[in-house]
């Protein structure tokens, strides 16, 4: 991680935001998120909302964002369904039939890309695309299996094995559901959602971003996707990833910045300094044996501690020091 001496909202032209765990959890707004995003817009940052959820249309997602206090229109939303549709449109002739194992979000995206969604293998579709849908049936997955076994290109909107449920529970995500067709046919899908590049590319194409900042709560989708696309990233601690997971993150999962919430778009970030022995950030110091001392913003302490642990590889001592931050 590194510091920045100006608020990120003044430095990056487009903030590309994940939704669940960043702006809302379920249908409940994250406290302070709407206000922080309004200020980021006022500071000159354009906002785009990138989601692996292929079940909703962009209009439905924009309506949900507006409901939780973040005004948005369909053109502000980029979905894994749109990324899948673009990939298919680039590989198939115009008007080609694609079997949809999923919901309206995928069908809407395919039609917008000039492709024809169908529901049965009897059409001999050129491709099968699968995305999360809570009402997904066995019969529809069986049709997908038949088409893929017959040679249809297999594309998945995303590979998230779980999605968040109410009360901190987890539910099977599209990555788990995709295993039905994958196991039955022994064909691996092309995945278009985060952390793979197609959704990142779709976002850049739709927004024209020259210096995007990817903002999310998951290391294995948002942050890894940013790293895969060569973009800077901001991890917020309002969703899936907690300080323990960040401390243990492998190199490809490490963010550029970290903040407690979206207020991190509005303030400079202290740099982590290393004098050859100790690591310091803000009012916090981490000694060579990973003892933590000082005070101030606990996220500054987390930045210093993560940097020290990533350099030393001593996760056990890092976990012990983490308790002193009260995060």
Protein backbone atom coordinates (compact mmCIF):
# COMPACT_ATOMS: atom_id res chain seq x y z
CA UNK A 1 0.00 0.00 0.00
CA UNK A 2 1.03 3.56 -0.54
CA UNK A 3 -0.02 7.01 0.55
CA UNK A 4 -1.56 9.87 -1.41
CA UNK A 5 -1.32 13.53 -0.40
CA UNK A 6 -4.67 14.54 -1.93
CA UNK A 7 -8.12 12.98 -1.63
CA UNK A 8 -8.46 10.19 -4.20
CA UNK A 9 -11.68 11.78 -5.47
CA UNK A 10 -9.56 14.70 -6.72
CA UNK A 11 -6.87 12.53 -8.34
CA UNK A 12 -8.75 9.70 -10.13
CA UNK A 13 -11.20 10.54 -12.90
CA UNK A 14 -13.61 7.63 -12.35
CA UNK A 15 -14.42 5.72 -9.20
CA UNK A 16 -15.50 2.20 -10.18
CA UNK A 17 -17.52 0.95 -7.22
CA UNK A 18 -18.67 -2.47 -6.20
CA UNK A 19 -22.15 -2.46 -4.69
CA UNK A 20 -22.95 -5.03 -2.00
CA UNK A 21 -20.69 -4.50 0.99
CA UNK A 22 -19.62 -1.06 -0.26
CA UNK A 23 -22.78 1.01 -0.82
CA UNK A 24 -25.37 -1.30 0.67
CA UNK A 25 -25.57 -4.67 2.40
CA UNK A 26 -28.57 -6.59 1.12
CA UNK A 27 -30.99 -3.69 0.72
CA UNK A 28 -29.70 -1.72 3.71
CA UNK A 29 -27.48 1.30 2.98
CA UNK A 30 -23.97 1.35 4.42
CA UNK A 31 -23.91 4.29 6.89
CA UNK A 32 -22.27 7.35 5.37
CA UNK A 33 -21.87 5.84 1.89
CA UNK A 34 -24.36 8.09 0.10
CA UNK A 35 -22.92 11.26 1.61
CA UNK A 36 -19.34 10.26 0.79
CA UNK A 37 -20.22 9.54 -2.84
CA UNK A 38 -22.08 12.84 -3.19
CA UNK A 39 -18.95 14.65 -1.98
CA UNK A 40 -16.73 12.59 -4.29
CA UNK A 41 -18.88 13.67 -7.23
CA UNK A 42 -18.68 17.27 -6.06
CA UNK A 43 -14.87 16.93 -6.03
CA UNK A 44 -14.90 15.98 -9.72
CA UNK A 45 -14.89 12.16 -9.61
CA UNK A 46 -17.31 10.43 -11.97
CA UNK A 47 -18.88 7.28 -10.56
CA UNK A 48 -19.52 3.94 -12.21
CA UNK A 49 -21.05 0.96 -10.48
CA UNK A 50 -19.58 -2.39 -11.54
CA UNK A 51 -21.23 -5.57 -10.38
CA UNK A 52 -20.82 -9.30 -10.87
CA UNK A 53 -24.57 -9.68 -10.31
CA UNK A 54 -26.02 -10.66 -13.69
CA UNK A 55 -29.58 -11.13 -12.47
CA UNK A 56 -30.59 -7.45 -12.41
CA UNK A 57 -30.75 -5.14 -15.41
CA UNK A 58 -28.76 -1.89 -15.23
CA UNK A 59 -32.04 0.01 -14.77
CA UNK A 60 -33.04 -2.15 -11.81
CA UNK A 61 -29.60 -1.72 -10.23
CA UNK A 62 -29.75 2.05 -10.76
CA UNK A 63 -33.17 2.11 -9.09
CA UNK A 64 -31.80 0.24 -6.07
CA UNK A 65 -28.87 2.65 -5.82
CA UNK A 66 -31.23 5.62 -5.97
CA UNK A 67 -33.38 4.00 -3.28
CA UNK A 68 -30.42 3.87 -0.87
CA UNK A 69 -29.54 7.52 -1.52
CA UNK A 70 -27.04 7.28 -4.39
CA UNK A 71 -28.67 8.79 -7.50
CA UNK A 72 -27.87 6.69 -10.57
CA UNK A 73 -29.15 5.95 -14.05
CA UNK A 74 -28.75 2.81 -16.13
CA UNK A 75 -25.74 4.18 -18.01
CA UNK A 76 -23.85 4.46 -14.69
CA UNK A 77 -24.06 0.69 -14.15
CA UNK A 78 -21.73 -1.91 -15.68
CA UNK A 79 -22.57 -5.58 -15.18
CA UNK A 80 -20.91 -8.90 -15.77
CA UNK A 81 -23.86 -9.68 -18.05
CA UNK A 82 -22.84 -6.78 -20.31
CA UNK A 83 -19.25 -8.02 -20.31
CA UNK A 84 -20.44 -11.51 -21.25
CA UNK A 85 -22.64 -10.13 -24.02
CA UNK A 86 -19.77 -8.10 -25.50
CA UNK A 87 -17.45 -11.13 -25.44
CA UNK A 88 -20.09 -13.23 -27.20
CA UNK A 89 -20.90 -10.51 -29.75
CA UNK A 90 -17.22 -10.30 -30.66
CA UNK A 91 -17.04 -14.06 -31.24
CA UNK A 92 -20.42 -14.82 -32.82
CA UNK A 93 -22.26 -13.51 -35.90
CA UNK A 94 -24.92 -10.85 -35.37
CA UNK A 95 -28.25 -12.36 -34.33
CA UNK A 96 -26.71 -15.62 -33.13
CA UNK A 97 -28.81 -17.57 -30.64
CA UNK A 98 -27.47 -17.91 -27.10
CA UNK A 99 -29.03 -20.19 -24.48
CA UNK A 100 -29.47 -18.24 -21.25
CA UNK A 101 -29.09 -20.12 -17.98
CA UNK A 102 -30.00 -17.15 -15.84
CA UNK A 103 -32.34 -14.19 -15.58
CA UNK A 104 -33.45 -10.97 -17.23
CA UNK A 105 -30.14 -9.20 -16.74
CA UNK A 106 -28.45 -11.58 -19.17
CA UNK A 107 -31.31 -11.52 -21.68
CA UNK A 108 -31.37 -7.73 -21.68
CA UNK A 109 -27.60 -7.54 -22.23
CA UNK A 110 -27.65 -10.07 -25.07
CA UNK A 111 -30.41 -8.26 -26.95
CA UNK A 112 -28.56 -4.95 -26.52
CA UNK A 113 -25.50 -6.62 -28.08
CA UNK A 114 -27.48 -7.86 -31.11
CA UNK A 115 -27.78 -11.50 -30.00
CA UNK A 116 -30.89 -13.64 -29.59
CA UNK A 117 -31.53 -15.27 -26.18
CA UNK A 118 -33.18 -18.69 -26.19
CA UNK A 119 -34.14 -21.20 -23.51
CA UNK A 120 -33.74 -24.65 -25.03
CA UNK A 121 -30.96 -26.70 -26.59
CA UNK A 122 -33.33 -27.58 -29.46
CA UNK A 123 -32.38 -24.23 -31.02
CA UNK A 124 -28.80 -25.53 -31.39
CA UNK A 125 -27.47 -22.29 -29.87
CA UNK A 126 -23.98 -21.07 -30.69
CA UNK A 127 -23.27 -20.44 -27.00
CA UNK A 128 -24.54 -20.94 -23.47
CA UNK A 129 -24.21 -18.13 -20.95
CA UNK A 130 -24.86 -18.69 -17.25
CA UNK A 131 -25.44 -16.06 -14.58
CA UNK A 132 -26.84 -16.03 -11.08
CA UNK A 133 -30.62 -16.16 -10.79
CA UNK A 134 -32.42 -17.09 -7.56
CA UNK A 135 -35.07 -19.01 -9.47
CA UNK A 136 -32.69 -21.07 -11.60
CA UNK A 137 -34.24 -24.45 -12.38
CA UNK A 138 -32.83 -27.91 -12.88
CA UNK A 139 -34.53 -28.13 -16.26
CA UNK A 140 -32.81 -24.99 -17.53
CA UNK A 141 -29.40 -26.18 -16.30
CA UNK A 142 -30.07 -29.49 -18.05
CA UNK A 143 -30.75 -27.61 -21.31
CA UNK A 144 -27.46 -25.79 -20.82
CA UNK A 145 -25.63 -29.07 -20.28
CA UNK A 146 -27.08 -30.49 -23.48
CA UNK A 147 -26.05 -27.46 -25.53
CA UNK A 148 -22.51 -27.31 -24.12
CA UNK A 149 -22.07 -31.05 -24.65
CA UNK A 150 -23.13 -30.44 -28.26
CA UNK A 151 -20.32 -27.94 -28.79
CA UNK A 152 -21.81 -24.59 -27.76
CA UNK A 153 -19.37 -22.02 -26.37
CA UNK A 154 -19.74 -21.88 -22.56
CA UNK A 155 -19.54 -18.48 -20.85
CA UNK A 156 -20.19 -17.63 -17.19
CA UNK A 157 -20.94 -14.12 -16.01
CA UNK A 158 -18.85 -14.61 -12.88
CA UNK A 159 -17.23 -17.24 -10.69
CA UNK A 160 -18.21 -16.05 -7.18
CA UNK A 161 -18.79 -19.20 -5.19
CA UNK A 162 -20.90 -17.40 -2.56
CA UNK A 163 -23.05 -14.30 -2.22
CA UNK A 164 -23.92 -12.53 1.04
CA UNK A 165 -27.25 -13.34 2.66
CA UNK A 166 -29.16 -11.61 5.38
CA UNK A 167 -27.72 -11.55 8.87
CA UNK A 168 -24.18 -12.35 7.74
CA UNK A 169 -25.13 -15.69 6.20
CA UNK A 170 -23.80 -16.94 2.87
CA UNK A 171 -25.66 -18.39 -0.10
CA UNK A 172 -24.41 -20.22 -3.20
CA UNK A 173 -23.24 -17.86 -5.92
CA UNK A 174 -22.94 -18.32 -9.66
CA UNK A 175 -19.52 -19.93 -9.30
CA UNK A 176 -21.13 -22.77 -7.36
CA UNK A 177 -24.07 -23.11 -9.77
CA UNK A 178 -21.75 -23.17 -12.80
CA UNK A 179 -20.24 -26.39 -11.45
CA UNK A 180 -23.39 -28.29 -12.47
CA UNK A 181 -22.77 -27.75 -16.20
CA UNK A 182 -19.00 -27.85 -15.81
CA UNK A 183 -19.08 -31.18 -13.96
CA UNK A 184 -21.61 -32.74 -16.32
CA UNK A 185 -19.79 -31.71 -19.51
CA UNK A 186 -16.15 -31.42 -18.34
CA UNK A 187 -16.07 -28.03 -20.12
CA UNK A 188 -14.66 -25.01 -18.30
CA UNK A 189 -16.53 -21.75 -18.93
CA UNK A 190 -14.97 -18.47 -20.01
CA UNK A 191 -15.62 -16.19 -17.02
CA UNK A 192 -16.28 -12.50 -17.68
CA UNK A 193 -16.87 -11.00 -14.21
CA UNK A 194 -14.40 -9.80 -11.60
CA UNK A 195 -11.54 -10.62 -11.15
CA UNK A 196 -11.28 -11.53 -14.84
CA UNK A 197 -10.48 -8.83 -17.39
CA UNK A 198 -13.68 -8.66 -19.51
CA UNK A 199 -15.67 -6.71 -16.89
CA UNK A 200 -12.72 -4.37 -16.26
CA UNK A 201 -12.47 -3.79 -20.03
CA UNK A 202 -16.22 -3.23 -20.28
CA UNK A 203 -16.05 -0.61 -17.54
CA UNK A 204 -13.19 1.28 -19.21
CA UNK A 205 -14.95 1.21 -22.58
CA UNK A 206 -18.25 2.46 -21.16
CA UNK A 207 -16.78 5.19 -18.95
CA UNK A 208 -13.77 6.31 -20.99
CA UNK A 209 -11.77 6.30 -17.75
CA UNK A 210 -8.15 7.31 -18.08
CA UNK A 211 -7.21 6.87 -14.43
CA UNK A 212 -9.83 4.71 -12.69
CA UNK A 213 -9.86 3.80 -9.01
CA UNK A 214 -11.46 0.43 -8.29
CA UNK A 215 -13.34 0.47 -4.96
CA UNK A 216 -14.54 -2.72 -3.31
CA UNK A 217 -14.81 -4.88 -0.23
CA UNK A 218 -13.55 -8.21 -1.61
CA UNK A 219 -9.92 -9.10 -2.14
CA UNK A 220 -10.59 -11.98 -4.53
CA UNK A 221 -12.84 -10.06 -6.91
CA UNK A 222 -12.54 -6.27 -6.59
CA UNK A 223 -8.88 -5.98 -5.61
CA UNK A 224 -7.57 -8.89 -7.67
CA UNK A 225 -9.57 -7.56 -10.63
CA UNK A 226 -7.98 -4.12 -10.24
CA UNK A 227 -4.52 -5.68 -10.10
CA UNK A 228 -5.26 -7.80 -13.17
CA UNK A 229 -6.30 -4.66 -15.03
CA UNK A 230 -3.33 -2.58 -13.89
CA UNK A 231 -5.52 -0.14 -11.94
CA UNK A 232 -5.20 1.29 -8.43
CA UNK A 233 -7.68 0.13 -5.81
CA UNK A 234 -9.28 1.12 -2.52
CA UNK A 235 -10.41 -1.58 -0.11
CA UNK A 236 -13.20 -0.59 2.27
CA UNK A 237 -13.82 -2.55 5.47
CA UNK A 238 -17.63 -2.38 5.38
CA UNK A 239 -18.17 -5.74 3.70
CA UNK A 240 -16.58 -9.14 3.34
CA UNK A 241 -12.90 -8.44 4.01
CA UNK A 242 -11.83 -7.82 7.60
CA UNK A 243 -8.38 -6.74 8.89
CA UNK A 244 -7.37 -10.37 9.50
CA UNK A 245 -7.95 -11.29 5.85
CA UNK A 246 -6.09 -8.18 4.67
CA UNK A 247 -3.12 -9.02 6.88
CA UNK A 248 -2.93 -12.48 5.32
CA UNK A 249 -3.45 -11.30 1.72
CA UNK A 250 -1.14 -12.69 -0.95
CA UNK A 251 0.60 -10.25 -3.29
CA UNK A 252 -2.01 -10.37 -6.07
CA UNK A 253 -4.79 -9.56 -3.58
CA UNK A 254 -3.25 -6.47 -1.98
CA UNK A 255 -4.92 -3.07 -2.47
CA UNK A 256 -3.29 0.28 -3.18
CA UNK A 257 -5.23 1.95 -0.36
CA UNK A 258 -7.45 0.87 2.52
CA UNK A 259 -10.06 2.78 4.51
CA UNK A 260 -12.77 2.04 7.02
CA UNK A 261 -15.47 3.11 4.54
CA UNK A 262 -16.08 5.33 1.52
CA UNK A 263 -14.90 8.39 3.41
CA UNK A 264 -11.49 7.17 2.23
CA UNK A 265 -12.30 8.81 -1.12
CA UNK A 266 -12.35 12.22 0.53
CA UNK A 267 -9.14 12.41 2.56
CA UNK A 268 -5.43 12.00 1.89
CA UNK A 269 -3.88 8.68 2.92
CA UNK A 270 -0.78 8.61 5.09
CA UNK A 271 2.25 6.96 3.54
CA UNK A 272 3.92 4.04 5.31
CA UNK A 273 7.52 4.98 6.08
CA UNK A 274 10.31 2.51 6.69
CA UNK A 275 13.53 3.70 8.31
CA UNK A 276 15.32 0.37 7.94
CA UNK A 277 13.82 -1.05 11.09
CA UNK A 278 10.41 0.21 12.13
CA UNK A 279 7.39 0.96 9.95
CA UNK A 280 5.38 4.07 10.74
CA UNK A 281 2.10 5.46 9.45
CA UNK A 282 0.32 8.43 10.98
CA UNK A 283 0.72 8.10 14.73
CA UNK A 284 1.48 4.38 14.70
CA UNK A 285 4.79 2.49 14.73
CA UNK A 286 5.48 -1.19 14.13
CA UNK A 287 8.82 -2.39 15.49
CA UNK A 288 11.06 -4.98 13.76
CA UNK A 289 9.57 -7.69 16.02
CA UNK A 290 6.07 -6.54 15.03
CA UNK A 291 5.13 -4.80 18.26
CA UNK A 292 2.61 -2.03 17.67
CA UNK A 293 2.68 1.29 19.52
CA UNK A 294 1.26 4.77 19.18
CA UNK A 295 -2.24 6.05 18.49
CA UNK A 296 -4.51 7.88 16.09
CA UNK A 297 -6.52 6.52 13.18
CA UNK A 298 -6.50 2.72 13.60
CA UNK A 299 -6.53 2.28 9.80
CA UNK A 300 -3.12 4.00 9.70
CA UNK A 301 -1.94 1.38 12.19
CA UNK A 302 -3.40 -1.32 9.96
CA UNK A 303 -1.50 0.07 6.95
CA UNK A 304 1.78 0.00 8.87
CA UNK A 305 1.14 -3.46 10.28
CA UNK A 306 0.17 -4.95 6.91
CA UNK A 307 3.30 -3.54 5.30
CA UNK A 308 5.48 -4.97 8.07
CA UNK A 309 3.82 -8.40 7.95
CA UNK A 310 3.96 -8.56 4.14
CA UNK A 311 7.68 -7.79 4.30
CA UNK A 312 8.49 -10.22 7.13
CA UNK A 313 6.00 -12.99 6.43
CA UNK A 314 5.38 -13.32 10.19
CA UNK A 315 1.60 -13.54 10.16
CA UNK A 316 1.37 -15.04 13.66
CA UNK A 317 2.98 -12.03 15.34
CA UNK A 318 1.02 -9.72 13.10
CA UNK A 319 -2.25 -11.27 14.28
CA UNK A 320 -1.19 -10.72 17.86
CA UNK A 321 -0.41 -7.05 17.20
CA UNK A 322 -3.67 -6.55 15.30
CA UNK A 323 -5.68 -6.89 18.51
CA UNK A 324 -4.17 -3.61 19.69
CA UNK A 325 -5.91 -1.63 16.96
CA UNK A 326 -9.44 -2.47 18.10
CA UNK A 327 -10.68 -2.90 14.54
